[in-house]
């Protein structure tokens, strides 16, 4: 047991006669580990990007609601009347009427 452990520490399995198979397996495991790490980093990057886009959507939705409410206030008749009274224009006293034109055939 002591000799086997000592051989393992000295890495005799890498320099023995059948070391080619061991090296192939080590390179294979290393490539798999590199691919796994790259995949993990890619997934994490996508998760962060999704979170950032989600926050941006919330912010834009909030801005949309604020702008829509401001537009509703601007479109109100009382707001328009108040702004136009500064220019000397007021609401009409008489209601509008339709003008009909009869075209002879």
C-alpha atoms as a PDB file:
ATOM      1  CA  UNK A   1       0.000   0.000   0.000  1.00  0.00           C
ATOM      2  CA  UNK A   2       2.827   2.382   0.910  1.00  0.00           C
ATOM      3  CA  UNK A   3       4.617   1.664  -2.370  1.00  0.00           C
ATOM      4  CA  UNK A   4       1.422   2.256  -4.411  1.00  0.00           C
ATOM      5  CA  UNK A   5       0.839   5.591  -2.688  1.00  0.00           C
ATOM      6  CA  UNK A   6       4.478   6.569  -3.252  1.00  0.00           C
ATOM      7  CA  UNK A   7       4.174   5.677  -6.953  1.00  0.00           C
ATOM      8  CA  UNK A   8       1.040   7.782  -7.184  1.00  0.00           C
ATOM      9  CA  UNK A   9       2.825  10.772  -5.649  1.00  0.00           C
ATOM     10  CA  UNK A  10       5.760  10.373  -8.016  1.00  0.00           C
ATOM     11  CA  UNK A  11       3.265  10.178 -10.922  1.00  0.00           C
ATOM     12  CA  UNK A  12       4.651   6.879 -12.243  1.00  0.00           C
ATOM     13  CA  UNK A  13       1.360   6.325 -14.074  1.00  0.00           C
ATOM     14  CA  UNK A  14       2.359   9.173 -16.412  1.00  0.00           C
ATOM     15  CA  UNK A  15       5.764   7.803 -17.342  1.00  0.00           C
ATOM     16  CA  UNK A  16       5.125   4.069 -17.468  1.00  0.00           C
ATOM     17  CA  UNK A  17       4.764   2.012 -20.657  1.00  0.00           C
ATOM     18  CA  UNK A  18       0.985   2.432 -20.929  1.00  0.00           C
ATOM     19  CA  UNK A  19       1.196   6.156 -20.153  1.00  0.00           C
ATOM     20  CA  UNK A  20      -0.234   7.081 -23.586  1.00  0.00           C
ATOM     21  CA  UNK A  21      -3.684   5.839 -22.515  1.00  0.00           C
ATOM     22  CA  UNK A  22      -3.410   7.709 -19.233  1.00  0.00           C
ATOM     23  CA  UNK A  23      -2.383  10.914 -21.020  1.00  0.00           C
ATOM     24  CA  UNK A  24      -5.293  10.590 -23.435  1.00  0.00           C
ATOM     25  CA  UNK A  25      -7.710  10.213 -20.540  1.00  0.00           C
ATOM     26  CA  UNK A  26      -6.183  13.183 -18.710  1.00  0.00           C
ATOM     27  CA  UNK A  27      -6.406  15.396 -21.823  1.00  0.00           C
ATOM     28  CA  UNK A  28      -9.989  14.217 -22.385  1.00  0.00           C
ATOM     29  CA  UNK A  29     -10.976  15.058 -18.792  1.00  0.00           C
ATOM     30  CA  UNK A  30      -9.223  18.430 -19.045  1.00  0.00           C
ATOM     31  CA  UNK A  31     -11.084  19.320 -22.247  1.00  0.00           C
ATOM     32  CA  UNK A  32     -14.380  18.279 -20.672  1.00  0.00           C
ATOM     33  CA  UNK A  33     -13.636  20.465 -17.635  1.00  0.00           C
ATOM     34  CA  UNK A  34     -12.781  23.452 -19.849  1.00  0.00           C
ATOM     35  CA  UNK A  35     -16.000  23.006 -21.842  1.00  0.00           C
ATOM     36  CA  UNK A  36     -18.024  22.698 -18.643  1.00  0.00           C
ATOM     37  CA  UNK A  37     -16.479  25.868 -17.172  1.00  0.00           C
ATOM     38  CA  UNK A  38     -17.073  27.804 -20.407  1.00  0.00           C
ATOM     39  CA  UNK A  39     -20.684  26.630 -20.506  1.00  0.00           C
ATOM     40  CA  UNK A  40     -21.185  27.679 -16.903  1.00  0.00           C
ATOM     41  CA  UNK A  41     -19.757  31.138 -17.566  1.00  0.00           C
ATOM     42  CA  UNK A  42     -21.960  31.522 -20.632  1.00  0.00           C
ATOM     43  CA  UNK A  43     -25.065  30.565 -18.641  1.00  0.00           C
ATOM     44  CA  UNK A  44     -24.165  33.000 -15.849  1.00  0.00           C
ATOM     45  CA  UNK A  45     -23.624  35.787 -18.391  1.00  0.00           C
ATOM     46  CA  UNK A  46     -27.055  35.127 -19.883  1.00  0.00           C
ATOM     47  CA  UNK A  47     -28.687  35.127 -16.441  1.00  0.00           C
ATOM     48  CA  UNK A  48     -27.138  38.509 -15.646  1.00  0.00           C
ATOM     49  CA  UNK A  49     -28.187  39.876 -19.027  1.00  0.00           C
ATOM     50  CA  UNK A  50     -31.766  38.673 -18.492  1.00  0.00           C
ATOM     51  CA  UNK A  51     -31.858  40.304 -15.044  1.00  0.00           C
ATOM     52  CA  UNK A  52     -30.536  43.568 -16.496  1.00  0.00           C
ATOM     53  CA  UNK A  53     -33.117  43.523 -19.300  1.00  0.00           C
ATOM     54  CA  UNK A  54     -35.875  42.752 -16.775  1.00  0.00           C
ATOM     55  CA  UNK A  55     -34.885  45.804 -14.734  1.00  0.00           C
ATOM     56  CA  UNK A  56     -34.795  47.925 -17.878  1.00  0.00           C
ATOM     57  CA  UNK A  57     -38.306  46.748 -18.825  1.00  0.00           C
ATOM     58  CA  UNK A  58     -39.590  47.713 -15.359  1.00  0.00           C
ATOM     59  CA  UNK A  59     -37.981  51.125 -15.661  1.00  0.00           C
ATOM     60  CA  UNK A  60     -39.406  51.723 -19.142  1.00  0.00           C
ATOM     61  CA  UNK A  61     -42.862  50.563 -18.050  1.00  0.00           C
ATOM     62  CA  UNK A  62     -42.745  52.986 -15.126  1.00  0.00           C
ATOM     63  CA  UNK A  63     -41.669  55.807 -17.431  1.00  0.00           C
ATOM     64  CA  UNK A  64     -44.510  54.919 -19.827  1.00  0.00           C
ATOM     65  CA  UNK A  65     -47.091  55.127 -17.040  1.00  0.00           C
ATOM     66  CA  UNK A  66     -45.697  58.479 -15.879  1.00  0.00           C
ATOM     67  CA  UNK A  67     -45.761  59.921 -19.387  1.00  0.00           C
ATOM     68  CA  UNK A  68     -49.274  58.608 -20.036  1.00  0.00           C
ATOM     69  CA  UNK A  69     -50.608  60.192 -16.853  1.00  0.00           C
ATOM     70  CA  UNK A  70     -48.885  63.487 -17.742  1.00  0.00           C
ATOM     71  CA  UNK A  71     -50.462  63.362 -21.210  1.00  0.00           C
ATOM     72  CA  UNK A  72     -53.907  62.759 -19.700  1.00  0.00           C
ATOM     73  CA  UNK A  73     -53.468  65.835 -17.493  1.00  0.00           C
ATOM     74  CA  UNK A  74     -52.353  67.933 -20.467  1.00  0.00           C
ATOM     75  CA  UNK A  75     -55.326  66.784 -22.584  1.00  0.00           C
ATOM     76  CA  UNK A  76     -57.906  67.720 -19.938  1.00  0.00           C
ATOM     77  CA  UNK A  77     -60.233  70.537 -20.967  1.00  0.00           C
ATOM     78  CA  UNK A  78     -59.537  72.540 -17.817  1.00  0.00           C
ATOM     79  CA  UNK A  79     -55.778  72.499 -18.491  1.00  0.00           C
ATOM     80  CA  UNK A  80     -56.261  73.584 -22.092  1.00  0.00           C
ATOM     81  CA  UNK A  81     -58.685  76.339 -21.043  1.00  0.00           C
ATOM     82  CA  UNK A  82     -56.260  77.653 -18.412  1.00  0.00           C
ATOM     83  CA  UNK A  83     -53.309  77.714 -20.852  1.00  0.00           C
ATOM     84  CA  UNK A  84     -55.297  79.365 -23.625  1.00  0.00           C
ATOM     85  CA  UNK A  85     -56.793  82.003 -21.304  1.00  0.00           C
ATOM     86  CA  UNK A  86     -53.238  83.358 -20.897  1.00  0.00           C
ATOM     87  CA  UNK A  87     -53.291  84.070 -24.647  1.00  0.00           C
ATOM     88  CA  UNK A  88     -56.743  85.603 -24.550  1.00  0.00           C
ATOM     89  CA  UNK A  89     -58.581  82.624 -26.062  1.00  0.00           C
ATOM     90  CA  UNK A  90     -61.515  81.203 -24.134  1.00  0.00           C
ATOM     91  CA  UNK A  91     -64.144  78.556 -24.657  1.00  0.00           C
ATOM     92  CA  UNK A  92     -66.957  79.357 -27.086  1.00  0.00           C
ATOM     93  CA  UNK A  93     -70.236  80.618 -25.646  1.00  0.00           C
ATOM     94  CA  UNK A  94     -72.303  79.145 -28.481  1.00  0.00           C
ATOM     95  CA  UNK A  95     -72.164  75.478 -29.351  1.00  0.00           C
ATOM     96  CA  UNK A  96     -70.928  74.467 -32.812  1.00  0.00           C
ATOM     97  CA  UNK A  97     -73.405  73.637 -35.583  1.00  0.00           C
ATOM     98  CA  UNK A  98     -73.189  71.518 -38.716  1.00  0.00           C
ATOM     99  CA  UNK A  99     -72.989  73.062 -42.137  1.00  0.00           C
ATOM    100  CA  UNK A 100     -74.739  71.020 -44.774  1.00  0.00           C
ATOM    101  CA  UNK A 101     -74.191  71.595 -48.449  1.00  0.00           C
ATOM    102  CA  UNK A 102     -76.758  70.235 -50.865  1.00  0.00           C
ATOM    103  CA  UNK A 103     -75.247  69.310 -54.200  1.00  0.00           C
ATOM    104  CA  UNK A 104     -77.798  69.117 -57.007  1.00  0.00           C
ATOM    105  CA  UNK A 105     -77.601  66.008 -59.066  1.00  0.00           C
END
